[in-house]
Each structure stands twice: as structure tokens, then as C-alpha cells.
């Protein structure tokens, strides 16, 4: 059973703005591959604070750049209107989306 806090979020201030990394807890440490590329959900980049949907949505709404991995995290970004479903990539057995606000 999924808990309310089954996503991880990390925020980093950069010279270009706020970088947010979000992933489903279940994909942390996993590597996913497709024909075109490989994605490793590393602790160093994606490991962060446990977060519920409200906290993740708040971080993504403020992000200049975001990387989002995992079905629940990507679905939340779509539901919040932050990511267009047409721009979501399937990578092996997971999904990945990126956001860049200019």
C-alpha cells in the first residue's frame, strides 16, 4: 500500500534558478533503459525529503528546472498542469519528465 509520503523532493538553488528533483520512493536507486538512453535515479540527485502531493506540487510550481521520475510523481505534475502528458518519456518500466521555465 502506498503511503501519503511516497515521493522524494530535493530543491537546489542555482545561478539559473530553483532546480527541483522529484521521484517516487520506489524508483530511487534504480536504472531504467530504453532504446535511446539510460536513466539512473541516484540518491545523490533525487534523494531528498519525504513529501506528500501538496509539498511536491508546491516545489514544482516554484521550479525553474525540474526532473521528475516515477508514475506517481509524473502523474501529479500532469494533474497540476506543470507537465504536458505529451512530453512524458517512457524509459523502461518508468516515466520521466523535465520542466524548463524561461
PDB file of N, CA and C in Angstrom:
ATOM      1  N   UNK A   1       0.837  -1.187   0.000  1.00  0.00           N
ATOM      2  CA  UNK A   1       0.000   0.000   0.000  1.00  0.00           C
ATOM      3  C   UNK A   1       0.882   1.250   0.000  1.00  0.00           C
ATOM      4  N   UNK A   2       0.551   2.201  -0.873  1.00  0.00           N
ATOM      5  CA  UNK A   2       1.313   3.439  -0.949  1.00  0.00           C
ATOM      6  C   UNK A   2       0.953   4.344   0.207  1.00  0.00           C
ATOM      7  N   UNK A   3       1.956   4.991   0.755  1.00  0.00           N
ATOM      8  CA  UNK A   3       1.688   5.944   1.818  1.00  0.00           C
ATOM      9  C   UNK A   3       1.479   7.317   1.212  1.00  0.00           C
ATOM     10  N   UNK A   4       1.079   8.248   2.055  1.00  0.00           N
ATOM     11  CA  UNK A   4       0.857   9.607   1.601  1.00  0.00           C
ATOM     12  C   UNK A   4       2.171  10.283   1.217  1.00  0.00           C
ATOM     13  N   UNK A   5       3.273   9.813   1.797  1.00  0.00           N
ATOM     14  CA  UNK A   5       4.587  10.422   1.544  1.00  0.00           C
ATOM     15  C   UNK A   5       5.488   9.436   0.809  1.00  0.00           C
ATOM     16  N   UNK A   6       5.070   9.004  -0.368  1.00  0.00           N
ATOM     17  CA  UNK A   6       5.859   8.034  -1.110  1.00  0.00           C
ATOM     18  C   UNK A   6       6.631   8.665  -2.261  1.00  0.00           C
ATOM     19  N   UNK A   7       6.829   9.982  -2.180  1.00  0.00           N
ATOM     20  CA  UNK A   7       7.661  10.697  -3.138  1.00  0.00           C
ATOM     21  C   UNK A   7       8.785  11.399  -2.377  1.00  0.00           C
ATOM     22  N   UNK A   8       9.870  11.658  -3.091  1.00  0.00           N
ATOM     23  CA  UNK A   8      11.000  12.392  -2.530  1.00  0.00           C
ATOM     24  C   UNK A   8      11.190  13.663  -3.341  1.00  0.00           C
ATOM     25  N   UNK A   9      11.513  14.756  -2.675  1.00  0.00           N
ATOM     26  CA  UNK A   9      11.745  16.015  -3.369  1.00  0.00           C
ATOM     27  C   UNK A   9      13.022  16.658  -2.849  1.00  0.00           C
ATOM     28  N   UNK A  10      13.786  17.216  -3.773  1.00  0.00           N
ATOM     29  CA  UNK A  10      15.007  17.944  -3.446  1.00  0.00           C
ATOM     30  C   UNK A  10      14.960  19.281  -4.164  1.00  0.00           C
ATOM     31  N   UNK A  11      15.317  20.340  -3.454  1.00  0.00           N
ATOM     32  CA  UNK A  11      15.401  21.673  -4.054  1.00  0.00           C
ATOM     33  C   UNK A  11      16.836  22.160  -3.938  1.00  0.00           C
ATOM     34  N   UNK A  12      17.336  22.728  -5.032  1.00  0.00           N
ATOM     35  CA  UNK A  12      18.687  23.307  -5.040  1.00  0.00           C
ATOM     36  C   UNK A  12      18.623  24.666  -5.712  1.00  0.00           C
ATOM     37  N   UNK A  13      19.135  25.676  -5.040  1.00  0.00           N
ATOM     38  CA  UNK A  13      19.240  26.998  -5.665  1.00  0.00           C
ATOM     39  C   UNK A  13      20.461  26.987  -6.575  1.00  0.00           C
ATOM     40  N   UNK A  14      20.295  27.433  -7.806  1.00  0.00           N
ATOM     41  CA  UNK A  14      21.392  27.532  -8.757  1.00  0.00           C
ATOM     42  C   UNK A  14      21.413  28.953  -9.306  1.00  0.00           C
ATOM     43  N   UNK A  15      22.485  29.348  -9.986  1.00  0.00           N
ATOM     44  CA  UNK A  15      22.504  30.684 -10.596  1.00  0.00           C
ATOM     45  C   UNK A  15      21.372  30.888 -11.607  1.00  0.00           C
ATOM     46  N   UNK A  16      20.881  29.805 -12.178  1.00  0.00           N
ATOM     47  CA  UNK A  16      19.800  29.888 -13.165  1.00  0.00           C
ATOM     48  C   UNK A  16      18.412  29.842 -12.543  1.00  0.00           C
ATOM     49  N   UNK A  17      18.313  29.561 -11.248  1.00  0.00           N
ATOM     50  CA  UNK A  17      17.015  29.463 -10.593  1.00  0.00           C
ATOM     51  C   UNK A  17      16.910  28.207  -9.757  1.00  0.00           C
ATOM     52  N   UNK A  18      15.700  27.872  -9.364  1.00  0.00           N
ATOM     53  CA  UNK A  18      15.455  26.733  -8.494  1.00  0.00           C
ATOM     54  C   UNK A  18      15.385  25.435  -9.295  1.00  0.00           C
ATOM     55  N   UNK A  19      16.265  24.496  -8.949  1.00  0.00           N
ATOM     56  CA  UNK A  19      16.274  23.160  -9.543  1.00  0.00           C
ATOM     57  C   UNK A  19      15.562  22.218  -8.584  1.00  0.00           C
ATOM     58  N   UNK A  20      14.541  21.531  -9.073  1.00  0.00           N
ATOM     59  CA  UNK A  20      13.769  20.594  -8.252  1.00  0.00           C
ATOM     60  C   UNK A  20      13.887  19.198  -8.862  1.00  0.00           C
ATOM     61  N   UNK A  21      14.183  18.220  -8.024  1.00  0.00           N
ATOM     62  CA  UNK A  21      14.200  16.819  -8.432  1.00  0.00           C
ATOM     63  C   UNK A  21      13.156  16.086  -7.605  1.00  0.00           C
ATOM     64  N   UNK A  22      12.292  15.351  -8.300  1.00  0.00           N
ATOM     65  CA  UNK A  22      11.216  14.605  -7.641  1.00  0.00           C
ATOM     66  C   UNK A  22      11.227  13.178  -8.172  1.00  0.00           C
ATOM     67  N   UNK A  23      11.055  12.222  -7.280  1.00  0.00           N
ATOM     68  CA  UNK A  23      10.904  10.842  -7.738  1.00  0.00           C
ATOM     69  C   UNK A  23       9.989  10.078  -6.790  1.00  0.00           C
ATOM     70  N   UNK A  24       9.420   9.018  -7.321  1.00  0.00           N
ATOM     71  CA  UNK A  24       8.704   8.061  -6.480  1.00  0.00           C
ATOM     72  C   UNK A  24       9.753   7.355  -5.628  1.00  0.00           C
ATOM     73  N   UNK A  25       9.467   7.156  -4.362  1.00  0.00           N
ATOM     74  CA  UNK A  25      10.411   6.468  -3.478  1.00  0.00           C
ATOM     75  C   UNK A  25      10.802   5.106  -4.064  1.00  0.00           C
ATOM     76  N   UNK A  26       9.874   4.418  -4.702  1.00  0.00           N
ATOM     77  CA  UNK A  26      10.112   3.070  -5.219  1.00  0.00           C
ATOM     78  C   UNK A  26      11.153   3.016  -6.332  1.00  0.00           C
ATOM     79  N   UNK A  27      11.423   4.119  -7.021  1.00  0.00           N
ATOM     80  CA  UNK A  27      12.385   4.089  -8.130  1.00  0.00           C
ATOM     81  C   UNK A  27      13.777   4.557  -7.729  1.00  0.00           C
ATOM     82  N   UNK A  28      13.944   5.071  -6.504  1.00  0.00           N
ATOM     83  CA  UNK A  28      15.247   5.559  -6.057  1.00  0.00           C
ATOM     84  C   UNK A  28      16.266   4.424  -6.086  1.00  0.00           C
ATOM     85  N   UNK A  29      17.402   4.686  -6.724  1.00  0.00           N
ATOM     86  CA  UNK A  29      18.454   3.683  -6.825  1.00  0.00           C
ATOM     87  C   UNK A  29      18.331   2.754  -8.021  1.00  0.00           C
ATOM     88  N   UNK A  30      17.265   2.885  -8.774  1.00  0.00           N
ATOM     89  CA  UNK A  30      17.027   2.009  -9.931  1.00  0.00           C
ATOM     90  C   UNK A  30      17.601   2.626 -11.209  1.00  0.00           C
ATOM     91  N   UNK A  31      17.888   1.778 -12.184  1.00  0.00           N
ATOM     92  CA  UNK A  31      18.301   2.213 -13.517  1.00  0.00           C
ATOM     93  C   UNK A  31      17.273   1.701 -14.516  1.00  0.00           C
ATOM     94  N   UNK A  32      16.866   2.582 -15.394  1.00  0.00           N
ATOM     95  CA  UNK A  32      15.872   2.252 -16.418  1.00  0.00           C
ATOM     96  C   UNK A  32      16.486   2.524 -17.778  1.00  0.00           C
ATOM     97  N   UNK A  33      16.188   1.657 -18.749  1.00  0.00           N
ATOM     98  CA  UNK A  33      16.772   1.806 -20.068  1.00  0.00           C
ATOM     99  C   UNK A  33      15.714   1.699 -21.147  1.00  0.00           C
ATOM    100  N   UNK A  34      15.915   2.519 -22.188  1.00  0.00           N
ATOM    101  CA  UNK A  34      15.102   2.413 -23.395  1.00  0.00           C
ATOM    102  C   UNK A  34      16.077   2.300 -24.555  1.00  0.00           C
ATOM    103  N   UNK A  35      15.575   2.253 -25.767  1.00  0.00           N
ATOM    104  CA  UNK A  35      16.454   2.158 -26.931  1.00  0.00           C
ATOM    105  C   UNK A  35      17.379   3.365 -27.029  1.00  0.00           C
ATOM    106  N   UNK A  36      16.887   4.517 -26.605  1.00  0.00           N
ATOM    107  CA  UNK A  36      17.624   5.766 -26.802  1.00  0.00           C
ATOM    108  C   UNK A  36      18.558   6.139 -25.665  1.00  0.00           C
ATOM    109  N   UNK A  37      18.195   5.808 -24.447  1.00  0.00           N
ATOM    110  CA  UNK A  37      19.043   6.236 -23.331  1.00  0.00           C
ATOM    111  C   UNK A  37      18.770   5.446 -22.060  1.00  0.00           C
ATOM    112  N   UNK A  38      19.609   5.737 -21.078  1.00  0.00           N
ATOM    113  CA  UNK A  38      19.533   5.094 -19.773  1.00  0.00           C
ATOM    114  C   UNK A  38      19.331   6.176 -18.711  1.00  0.00           C
ATOM    115  N   UNK A  39      18.548   5.878 -17.699  1.00  0.00           N
ATOM    116  CA  UNK A  39      18.283   6.814 -16.612  1.00  0.00           C
ATOM    117  C   UNK A  39      18.515   6.107 -15.285  1.00  0.00           C
ATOM    118  N   UNK A  40      19.453   6.629 -14.503  1.00  0.00           N
ATOM    119  CA  UNK A  40      19.694   6.104 -13.168  1.00  0.00           C
ATOM    120  C   UNK A  40      19.193   7.121 -12.159  1.00  0.00           C
ATOM    121  N   UNK A  41      18.311   6.685 -11.286  1.00  0.00           N
ATOM    122  CA  UNK A  41      17.705   7.554 -10.279  1.00  0.00           C
ATOM    123  C   UNK A  41      18.595   7.490  -9.044  1.00  0.00           C
ATOM    124  N   UNK A  42      19.607   8.360  -9.025  1.00  0.00           N
ATOM    125  CA  UNK A  42      20.627   8.289  -7.980  1.00  0.00           C
ATOM    126  C   UNK A  42      20.182   8.987  -6.698  1.00  0.00           C
ATOM    127  N   UNK A  43      20.717   8.470  -5.602  1.00  0.00           N
ATOM    128  CA  UNK A  43      20.497   9.080  -4.286  1.00  0.00           C
ATOM    129  C   UNK A  43      21.063  10.498  -4.268  1.00  0.00           C
ATOM    130  N   UNK A  44      22.209  10.690  -4.910  1.00  0.00           N
ATOM    131  CA  UNK A  44      22.866  11.994  -4.909  1.00  0.00           C
ATOM    132  C   UNK A  44      21.999  13.088  -5.535  1.00  0.00           C
ATOM    133  N   UNK A  45      21.281  12.751  -6.590  1.00  0.00           N
ATOM    134  CA  UNK A  45      20.473  13.763  -7.272  1.00  0.00           C
ATOM    135  C   UNK A  45      19.022  13.770  -6.793  1.00  0.00           C
ATOM    136  N   UNK A  46      18.414  12.598  -6.699  1.00  0.00           N
ATOM    137  CA  UNK A  46      16.986  12.510  -6.385  1.00  0.00           C
ATOM    138  C   UNK A  46      16.684  12.274  -4.917  1.00  0.00           C
ATOM    139  N   UNK A  47      17.653  11.782  -4.166  1.00  0.00           N
ATOM    140  CA  UNK A  47      17.411  11.516  -2.749  1.00  0.00           C
ATOM    141  C   UNK A  47      17.121  12.823  -2.036  1.00  0.00           C
ATOM    142  N   UNK A  48      16.021  12.893  -1.360  1.00  0.00           N
ATOM    143  CA  UNK A  48      15.644  14.144  -0.703  1.00  0.00           C
ATOM    144  C   UNK A  48      14.708  13.886   0.438  1.00  0.00           C
ATOM    145  N   UNK A  49      13.850  14.851   0.664  1.00  0.00           N
ATOM    146  CA  UNK A  49      12.902  14.760   1.772  1.00  0.00           C
ATOM    147  C   UNK A  49      11.645  14.018   1.347  1.00  0.00           C
ATOM    148  N   UNK A  50      11.094  13.231   2.274  1.00  0.00           N
ATOM    149  CA  UNK A  50       9.784  12.633   2.045  1.00  0.00           C
ATOM    150  C   UNK A  50       8.801  13.761   1.812  1.00  0.00           C
ATOM    151  N   UNK A  51       7.910  13.564   0.838  1.00  0.00           N
ATOM    152  CA  UNK A  51       6.978  14.637   0.514  1.00  0.00           C
ATOM    153  C   UNK A  51       5.619  14.071   0.122  1.00  0.00           C
ATOM    154  N   UNK A  52       4.590  14.787   0.529  1.00  0.00           N
ATOM    155  CA  UNK A  52       3.241  14.434   0.089  1.00  0.00           C
ATOM    156  C   UNK A  52       2.940  15.222  -1.185  1.00  0.00           C
ATOM    157  N   UNK A  53       1.767  14.998  -1.751  1.00  0.00           N
ATOM    158  CA  UNK A  53       1.404  15.631  -3.015  1.00  0.00           C
ATOM    159  C   UNK A  53       1.434  17.156  -2.928  1.00  0.00           C
ATOM    160  N   UNK A  54       0.976  17.704  -1.826  1.00  0.00           N
ATOM    161  CA  UNK A  54       0.947  19.161  -1.667  1.00  0.00           C
ATOM    162  C   UNK A  54       2.355  19.747  -1.681  1.00  0.00           C
ATOM    163  N   UNK A  55       3.277  19.116  -0.978  1.00  0.00           N
ATOM    164  CA  UNK A  55       4.661  19.609  -0.927  1.00  0.00           C
ATOM    165  C   UNK A  55       5.333  19.511  -2.292  1.00  0.00           C
ATOM    166  N   UNK A  56       5.105  18.406  -2.996  1.00  0.00           N
ATOM    167  CA  UNK A  56       5.690  18.235  -4.326  1.00  0.00           C
ATOM    168  C   UNK A  56       5.114  19.269  -5.286  1.00  0.00           C
ATOM    169  N   UNK A  57       3.813  19.455  -5.271  1.00  0.00           N
ATOM    170  CA  UNK A  57       3.182  20.440  -6.155  1.00  0.00           C
ATOM    171  C   UNK A  57       3.716  21.840  -5.877  1.00  0.00           C
ATOM    172  N   UNK A  58       3.916  22.171  -4.612  1.00  0.00           N
ATOM    173  CA  UNK A  58       4.438  23.484  -4.235  1.00  0.00           C
ATOM    174  C   UNK A  58       5.859  23.676  -4.783  1.00  0.00           C
ATOM    175  N   UNK A  59       6.704  22.676  -4.633  1.00  0.00           N
ATOM    176  CA  UNK A  59       8.068  22.762  -5.153  1.00  0.00           C
ATOM    177  C   UNK A  59       8.081  22.891  -6.669  1.00  0.00           C
ATOM    178  N   UNK A  60       7.291  22.070  -7.346  1.00  0.00           N
ATOM    179  CA  UNK A  60       7.269  22.114  -8.809  1.00  0.00           C
ATOM    180  C   UNK A  60       6.724  23.441  -9.333  1.00  0.00           C
ATOM    181  N   UNK A  61       5.768  24.015  -8.624  1.00  0.00           N
ATOM    182  CA  UNK A  61       5.193  25.301  -9.053  1.00  0.00           C
ATOM    183  C   UNK A  61       6.235  26.417  -8.998  1.00  0.00           C
ATOM    184  N   UNK A  62       7.229  26.283  -8.128  1.00  0.00           N
ATOM    185  CA  UNK A  62       8.260  27.305  -7.972  1.00  0.00           C
ATOM    186  C   UNK A  62       9.515  27.015  -8.782  1.00  0.00           C
ATOM    187  N   UNK A  63       9.609  25.831  -9.378  1.00  0.00           N
ATOM    188  CA  UNK A  63      10.826  25.396 -10.055  1.00  0.00           C
ATOM    189  C   UNK A  63      11.082  26.160 -11.347  1.00  0.00           C
ATOM    190  N   UNK A  64      12.363  26.441 -11.579  1.00  0.00           N
ATOM    191  CA  UNK A  64      12.805  26.941 -12.873  1.00  0.00           C
ATOM    192  C   UNK A  64      13.124  25.757 -13.766  1.00  0.00           C
ATOM    193  N   UNK A  65      13.751  24.736 -13.165  1.00  0.00           N
ATOM    194  CA  UNK A  65      14.085  23.486 -13.839  1.00  0.00           C
ATOM    195  C   UNK A  65      13.655  22.350 -12.931  1.00  0.00           C
ATOM    196  N   UNK A  66      13.050  21.314 -13.518  1.00  0.00           N
ATOM    197  CA  UNK A  66      12.660  20.155 -12.710  1.00  0.00           C
ATOM    198  C   UNK A  66      12.893  18.866 -13.483  1.00  0.00           C
ATOM    199  N   UNK A  67      13.281  17.841 -12.749  1.00  0.00           N
ATOM    200  CA  UNK A  67      13.400  16.480 -13.259  1.00  0.00           C
ATOM    201  C   UNK A  67      12.480  15.627 -12.404  1.00  0.00           C
ATOM    202  N   UNK A  68      11.617  14.859 -13.065  1.00  0.00           N
ATOM    203  CA  UNK A  68      10.572  14.118 -12.362  1.00  0.00           C
ATOM    204  C   UNK A  68      10.574  12.680 -12.869  1.00  0.00           C
ATOM    205  N   UNK A  69      10.667  11.721 -11.941  1.00  0.00           N
ATOM    206  CA  UNK A  69      10.726  10.311 -12.323  1.00  0.00           C
ATOM    207  C   UNK A  69       9.740   9.504 -11.485  1.00  0.00           C
ATOM    208  N   UNK A  70       9.044   8.592 -12.144  1.00  0.00           N
ATOM    209  CA  UNK A  70       8.117   7.691 -11.466  1.00  0.00           C
ATOM    210  C   UNK A  70       6.676   8.036 -11.794  1.00  0.00           C
ATOM    211  N   UNK A  71       5.836   7.022 -11.834  1.00  0.00           N
ATOM    212  CA  UNK A  71       4.455   7.205 -12.273  1.00  0.00           C
ATOM    213  C   UNK A  71       3.680   8.183 -11.394  1.00  0.00           C
ATOM    214  N   UNK A  72       3.776   8.022 -10.077  1.00  0.00           N
ATOM    215  CA  UNK A  72       3.001   8.896  -9.190  1.00  0.00           C
ATOM    216  C   UNK A  72       3.471  10.346  -9.303  1.00  0.00           C
ATOM    217  N   UNK A  73       4.782  10.546  -9.310  1.00  0.00           N
ATOM    218  CA  UNK A  73       5.333  11.901  -9.389  1.00  0.00           C
ATOM    219  C   UNK A  73       4.978  12.574 -10.706  1.00  0.00           C
ATOM    220  N   UNK A  74       5.136  11.848 -11.806  1.00  0.00           N
ATOM    221  CA  UNK A  74       4.819  12.419 -13.121  1.00  0.00           C
ATOM    222  C   UNK A  74       3.317  12.664 -13.249  1.00  0.00           C
ATOM    223  N   UNK A  75       2.494  11.729 -12.771  1.00  0.00           N
ATOM    224  CA  UNK A  75       1.036  11.930 -12.825  1.00  0.00           C
ATOM    225  C   UNK A  75       0.632  13.186 -12.047  1.00  0.00           C
ATOM    226  N   UNK A  76       1.260  13.420 -10.904  1.00  0.00           N
ATOM    227  CA  UNK A  76       0.960  14.608 -10.120  1.00  0.00           C
ATOM    228  C   UNK A  76       1.327  15.872 -10.913  1.00  0.00           C
ATOM    229  N   UNK A  77       2.492  15.873 -11.544  1.00  0.00           N
ATOM    230  CA  UNK A  77       2.916  17.029 -12.343  1.00  0.00           C
ATOM    231  C   UNK A  77       1.943  17.289 -13.495  1.00  0.00           C
ATOM    232  N   UNK A  78       1.426  16.232 -14.095  1.00  0.00           N
ATOM    233  CA  UNK A  78       0.433  16.373 -15.164  1.00  0.00           C
ATOM    234  C   UNK A  78      -0.866  16.932 -14.589  1.00  0.00           C
ATOM    235  N   UNK A  79      -1.343  16.337 -13.495  1.00  0.00           N
ATOM    236  CA  UNK A  79      -2.595  16.769 -12.867  1.00  0.00           C
ATOM    237  C   UNK A  79      -2.547  18.234 -12.437  1.00  0.00           C
ATOM    238  N   UNK A  80      -1.367  18.700 -12.028  1.00  0.00           N
ATOM    239  CA  UNK A  80      -1.201  20.086 -11.582  1.00  0.00           C
ATOM    240  C   UNK A  80      -0.992  21.049 -12.753  1.00  0.00           C
ATOM    241  N   UNK A  81      -0.928  20.520 -13.979  1.00  0.00           N
ATOM    242  CA  UNK A  81      -0.740  21.370 -15.156  1.00  0.00           C
ATOM    243  C   UNK A  81       0.691  21.857 -15.325  1.00  0.00           C
ATOM    244  N   UNK A  82       1.631  21.193 -14.678  1.00  0.00           N
ATOM    245  CA  UNK A  82       3.034  21.591 -14.722  1.00  0.00           C
ATOM    246  C   UNK A  82       3.748  20.943 -15.905  1.00  0.00           C
ATOM    247  N   UNK A  83       3.331  19.731 -16.247  1.00  0.00           N
ATOM    248  CA  UNK A  83       3.917  18.975 -17.353  1.00  0.00           C
ATOM    249  C   UNK A  83       2.799  18.550 -18.288  1.00  0.00           C
ATOM    250  N   UNK A  84       3.050  18.652 -19.584  1.00  0.00           N
ATOM    251  CA  UNK A  84       2.099  18.179 -20.590  1.00  0.00           C
ATOM    252  C   UNK A  84       2.336  16.683 -20.800  1.00  0.00           C
ATOM    253  N   UNK A  85       1.287  15.915 -20.718  1.00  0.00           N
ATOM    254  CA  UNK A  85       1.398  14.458 -20.850  1.00  0.00           C
ATOM    255  C   UNK A  85       2.089  14.052 -22.149  1.00  0.00           C
ATOM    256  N   UNK A  86       1.940  14.845 -23.204  1.00  0.00           N
ATOM    257  CA  UNK A  86       2.559  14.533 -24.495  1.00  0.00           C
ATOM    258  C   UNK A  86       4.084  14.600 -24.432  1.00  0.00           C
ATOM    259  N   UNK A  87       4.622  15.263 -23.421  1.00  0.00           N
ATOM    260  CA  UNK A  87       6.071  15.420 -23.296  1.00  0.00           C
ATOM    261  C   UNK A  87       6.708  14.435 -22.323  1.00  0.00           C
ATOM    262  N   UNK A  88       5.945  13.487 -21.825  1.00  0.00           N
ATOM    263  CA  UNK A  88       6.460  12.494 -20.875  1.00  0.00           C
ATOM    264  C   UNK A  88       7.131  11.368 -21.659  1.00  0.00           C
ATOM    265  N   UNK A  89       8.322  10.990 -21.208  1.00  0.00           N
ATOM    266  CA  UNK A  89       9.067   9.904 -21.839  1.00  0.00           C
ATOM    267  C   UNK A  89       8.891   8.613 -21.058  1.00  0.00           C
ATOM    268  N   UNK A  90       8.702   7.528 -21.774  1.00  0.00           N
ATOM    269  CA  UNK A  90       8.730   6.208 -21.154  1.00  0.00           C
ATOM    270  C   UNK A  90      10.165   5.714 -21.232  1.00  0.00           C
ATOM    271  N   UNK A  91      10.714   5.366 -20.087  1.00  0.00           N
ATOM    272  CA  UNK A  91      12.085   4.859 -20.020  1.00  0.00           C
ATOM    273  C   UNK A  91      12.014   3.518 -19.311  1.00  0.00           C
ATOM    274  N   UNK A  92      12.123   2.470 -20.076  1.00  0.00           N
ATOM    275  CA  UNK A  92      11.989   1.142 -19.492  1.00  0.00           C
ATOM    276  C   UNK A  92      10.635   1.017 -18.819  1.00  0.00           C
ATOM    277  N   UNK A  93      10.659   0.708 -17.523  1.00  0.00           N
ATOM    278  CA  UNK A  93       9.417   0.477 -16.793  1.00  0.00           C
ATOM    279  C   UNK A  93       8.964   1.681 -15.980  1.00  0.00           C
ATOM    280  N   UNK A  94       9.478   2.866 -16.300  1.00  0.00           N
ATOM    281  CA  UNK A  94       9.050   4.060 -15.583  1.00  0.00           C
ATOM    282  C   UNK A  94       8.821   5.197 -16.569  1.00  0.00           C
ATOM    283  N   UNK A  95       8.470   6.345 -16.030  1.00  0.00           N
ATOM    284  CA  UNK A  95       8.265   7.533 -16.852  1.00  0.00           C
ATOM    285  C   UNK A  95       9.124   8.669 -16.288  1.00  0.00           C
ATOM    286  N   UNK A  96       9.488   9.601 -17.190  1.00  0.00           N
ATOM    287  CA  UNK A  96      10.358  10.709 -16.826  1.00  0.00           C
ATOM    288  C   UNK A  96       9.858  11.963 -17.535  1.00  0.00           C
ATOM    289  N   UNK A  97       9.894  13.083 -16.816  1.00  0.00           N
ATOM    290  CA  UNK A  97       9.526  14.363 -17.422  1.00  0.00           C
ATOM    291  C   UNK A  97      10.510  15.421 -16.940  1.00  0.00           C
ATOM    292  N   UNK A  98      10.727  16.400 -17.789  1.00  0.00           N
ATOM    293  CA  UNK A  98      11.573  17.532 -17.426  1.00  0.00           C
ATOM    294  C   UNK A  98      10.789  18.812 -17.658  1.00  0.00           C
ATOM    295  N   UNK A  99      11.139  19.802 -16.869  1.00  0.00           N
ATOM    296  CA  UNK A  99      10.496  21.108 -16.957  1.00  0.00           C
ATOM    297  C   UNK A  99      11.591  22.160 -17.052  1.00  0.00           C
ATOM    298  N   UNK A 100      11.411  23.116 -17.932  1.00  0.00           N
ATOM    299  CA  UNK A 100      12.307  24.272 -18.010  1.00  0.00           C
ATOM    300  C   UNK A 100      11.434  25.501 -18.230  1.00  0.00           C
ATOM    301  N   UNK A 101      11.438  26.394 -17.253  1.00  0.00           N
ATOM    302  CA  UNK A 101      10.705  27.650 -17.397  1.00  0.00           C
ATOM    303  C   UNK A 101      11.696  28.725 -17.782  1.00  0.00           C
ATOM    304  N   UNK A 102      11.351  29.502 -18.784  1.00  0.00           N
ATOM    305  CA  UNK A 102      12.241  30.561 -19.243  1.00  0.00           C
ATOM    306  C   UNK A 102      11.593  31.905 -19.060  1.00  0.00           C
TER     307      UNK A 102
END
